[in-house]
C-alpha atoms as a PDB file:
ATOM      1  CA  MET A   1      17.833  -1.219 -10.277  1.00  0.00           C
ATOM      2  CA  PRO A   2      17.727   2.545 -10.303  1.00  0.00           C
ATOM      3  CA  VAL A   3      16.347   4.327  -7.286  1.00  0.00           C
ATOM      4  CA  THR A   4      13.518   6.556  -8.470  1.00  0.00           C
ATOM      5  CA  SER A   5      11.928   9.517  -6.743  1.00  0.00           C
ATOM      6  CA  LEU A   6       8.868   7.356  -6.057  1.00  0.00           C
ATOM      7  CA  VAL A   7      10.962   4.821  -4.157  1.00  0.00           C
ATOM      8  CA  LEU A   8      12.722   7.568  -2.220  1.00  0.00           C
ATOM      9  CA  SER A   9       9.436   9.266  -1.324  1.00  0.00           C
ATOM     10  CA  CYS A  10       7.977   5.987  -0.004  1.00  0.00           C
ATOM     11  CA  ILE A  11      11.101   5.409   2.081  1.00  0.00           C
ATOM     12  CA  GLY A  12      10.931   8.999   3.336  1.00  0.00           C
ATOM     13  CA  ILE A  13       7.315   8.559   4.400  1.00  0.00           C
ATOM     14  CA  ALA A  14       8.286   5.287   6.120  1.00  0.00           C
ATOM     15  CA  ILE A  15      10.873   7.207   8.147  1.00  0.00           C
ATOM     16  CA  LEU A  16       8.275   9.865   9.003  1.00  0.00           C
ATOM     17  CA  THR A  17       5.850   7.202  10.251  1.00  0.00           C
ATOM     18  CA  GLU A  18       8.499   6.072  12.707  1.00  0.00           C
ATOM     19  CA  ILE A  19       8.820   9.629  14.030  1.00  0.00           C
ATOM     20  CA  PHE A  20       5.193  10.817  13.933  1.00  0.00           C
ATOM     21  CA  PRO A  21       2.089   8.760  14.838  1.00  0.00           C
ATOM     22  CA  LEU A  22       0.453   8.286  11.430  1.00  0.00           C
ATOM     23  CA  HIS A  23      -2.334   5.777  10.785  1.00  0.00           C
ATOM     24  CA  ILE A  24      -0.345   3.650   8.349  1.00  0.00           C
ATOM     25  CA  GLY A  25       2.747   1.801   9.478  1.00  0.00           C
ATOM     26  CA  SER A  26       6.278   2.168   8.215  1.00  0.00           C
ATOM     27  CA  GLY A  27       6.256  -1.441   6.993  1.00  0.00           C
ATOM     28  CA  ASP A  28       3.417  -0.611   4.615  1.00  0.00           C
ATOM     29  CA  TRP A  29       5.426   2.242   3.098  1.00  0.00           C
ATOM     30  CA  LEU A  30       8.539   0.087   2.826  1.00  0.00           C
ATOM     31  CA  TYR A  31       6.442  -2.522   1.012  1.00  0.00           C
ATOM     32  CA  LEU A  32       5.112   0.194  -1.305  1.00  0.00           C
ATOM     33  CA  SER A  33       8.689   1.297  -2.004  1.00  0.00           C
ATOM     34  CA  LEU A  34       9.460  -2.256  -3.136  1.00  0.00           C
ATOM     35  CA  LEU A  35       6.375  -2.268  -5.352  1.00  0.00           C
ATOM     36  CA  ALA A  36       7.498   1.030  -6.863  1.00  0.00           C
ATOM     37  CA  TYR A  37      10.338  -0.824  -8.574  1.00  0.00           C
ATOM     38  CA  SER A  38       7.860  -2.743 -10.728  1.00  0.00           C
ATOM     39  CA  ILE A  39       5.031  -0.244 -11.295  1.00  0.00           C
ATOM     40  CA  ASN A  40       4.835   3.474 -11.993  1.00  0.00           C
ATOM     41  CA  TYR A  41       3.273   6.262  -9.931  1.00  0.00           C
ATOM     42  CA  LEU A  42      -0.269   6.000 -11.310  1.00  0.00           C
ATOM     43  CA  GLN A  43      -0.282   2.225 -10.948  1.00  0.00           C
ATOM     44  CA  LEU A  44       0.882   2.589  -7.353  1.00  0.00           C
ATOM     45  CA  VAL A  45      -2.049   4.924  -6.711  1.00  0.00           C
ATOM     46  CA  TYR A  46      -4.394   2.307  -8.193  1.00  0.00           C
ATOM     47  CA  CYS A  47      -2.775  -0.324  -5.985  1.00  0.00           C
ATOM     48  CA  ILE A  48      -3.484   1.771  -2.875  1.00  0.00           C
ATOM     49  CA  LEU A  49      -7.027   2.463  -4.125  1.00  0.00           C
ATOM     50  CA  PHE A  50      -7.777  -1.245  -4.669  1.00  0.00           C
ATOM     51  CA  ALA A  51      -6.203  -2.147  -1.322  1.00  0.00           C
ATOM     52  CA  SER A  52      -8.259   0.478   0.500  1.00  0.00           C
ATOM     53  CA  ALA A  53     -11.482  -0.675  -1.160  1.00  0.00           C
ATOM     54  CA  ILE A  54     -10.807  -4.317  -0.269  1.00  0.00           C
ATOM     55  CA  ALA A  55      -9.926  -3.361   3.320  1.00  0.00           C
ATOM     56  CA  LEU A  56     -13.116  -1.311   3.596  1.00  0.00           C
ATOM     57  CA  VAL A  57     -15.267  -4.217   2.415  1.00  0.00           C
ATOM     58  CA  TYR A  58     -13.436  -6.519   4.828  1.00  0.00           C
ATOM     59  CA  MET A  59     -13.906  -4.137   7.762  1.00  0.00           C
ATOM     60  CA  LEU A  60     -17.602  -3.706   6.996  1.00  0.00           C
ATOM     61  CA  SER A  61     -18.097  -7.476   6.835  1.00  0.00           C
ATOM     62  CA  LEU A  62     -16.532  -8.130  10.266  1.00  0.00           C
ATOM     63  CA  SER A  63     -18.959  -8.715  13.099  1.00  0.00           C
ATOM     64  CA  VAL A  64     -16.385  -7.631  15.694  1.00  0.00           C
ATOM     65  CA  LYS A  65     -14.917  -4.251  14.816  1.00  0.00           C
ATOM     66  CA  LYS A  66     -11.137  -3.959  15.104  1.00  0.00           C
ATOM     67  CA  LYS A  67      -9.405  -0.643  15.589  1.00  0.00           C
ATOM     68  CA  GLU A  68      -6.196  -1.696  13.823  1.00  0.00           C
ATOM     69  CA  LEU A  69      -5.758  -4.035  10.911  1.00  0.00           C
ATOM     70  CA  PRO A  70      -2.628  -5.143   9.045  1.00  0.00           C
ATOM     71  CA  PHE A  71      -2.681  -3.430   5.660  1.00  0.00           C
ATOM     72  CA  ILE A  72       0.049  -5.370   3.823  1.00  0.00           C
ATOM     73  CA  PRO A  73      -2.255  -8.293   2.840  1.00  0.00           C
ATOM     74  CA  PHE A  74      -4.612  -5.774   1.245  1.00  0.00           C
ATOM     75  CA  LEU A  75      -1.691  -4.074  -0.503  1.00  0.00           C
ATOM     76  CA  LEU A  76      -0.717  -7.449  -1.955  1.00  0.00           C
ATOM     77  CA  LEU A  77      -4.244  -7.987  -3.277  1.00  0.00           C
ATOM     78  CA  GLY A  78      -4.304  -4.435  -4.643  1.00  0.00           C
ATOM     79  CA  TYR A  79      -0.959  -5.032  -6.354  1.00  0.00           C
ATOM     80  CA  LEU A  80      -2.194  -8.258  -7.927  1.00  0.00           C
ATOM     81  CA  LEU A  81      -5.356  -6.524  -9.169  1.00  0.00           C
ATOM     82  CA  THR A  82      -3.255  -3.693 -10.577  1.00  0.00           C
ATOM     83  CA  LEU A  83      -1.017  -6.155 -12.424  1.00  0.00           C
ATOM     84  CA  TYR A  84      -4.100  -7.936 -13.736  1.00  0.00           C
ATOM     85  CA  PHE A  85      -5.590  -4.726 -15.136  1.00  0.00           C
ATOM     86  CA  ILE A  86      -2.248  -3.682 -16.635  1.00  0.00           C
ATOM     87  CA  HIS A  87      -1.984  -6.903 -18.627  1.00  0.00           C
ATOM     88  CA  ILE A  88      -5.552  -7.288 -19.910  1.00  0.00           C
END
């Protein structure tokens, strides 16, 4: 598989999250770099948009508010929604 600029940028951001305290973990960016092999830039943006919307609904529905939440499950759901909308 060819390494695209999208994959390299996600890996670069993952390295930056290890150095600087950002609010999204390096594992999330590494997962996004893997997703970038199967979808293009715009679809990756939609994936992040869907994942953020699902995470927001989930956070608002919790009775006990958490400060940190794993984002990879939401990225998976966002990816599946993106694939669904690509193929309909």
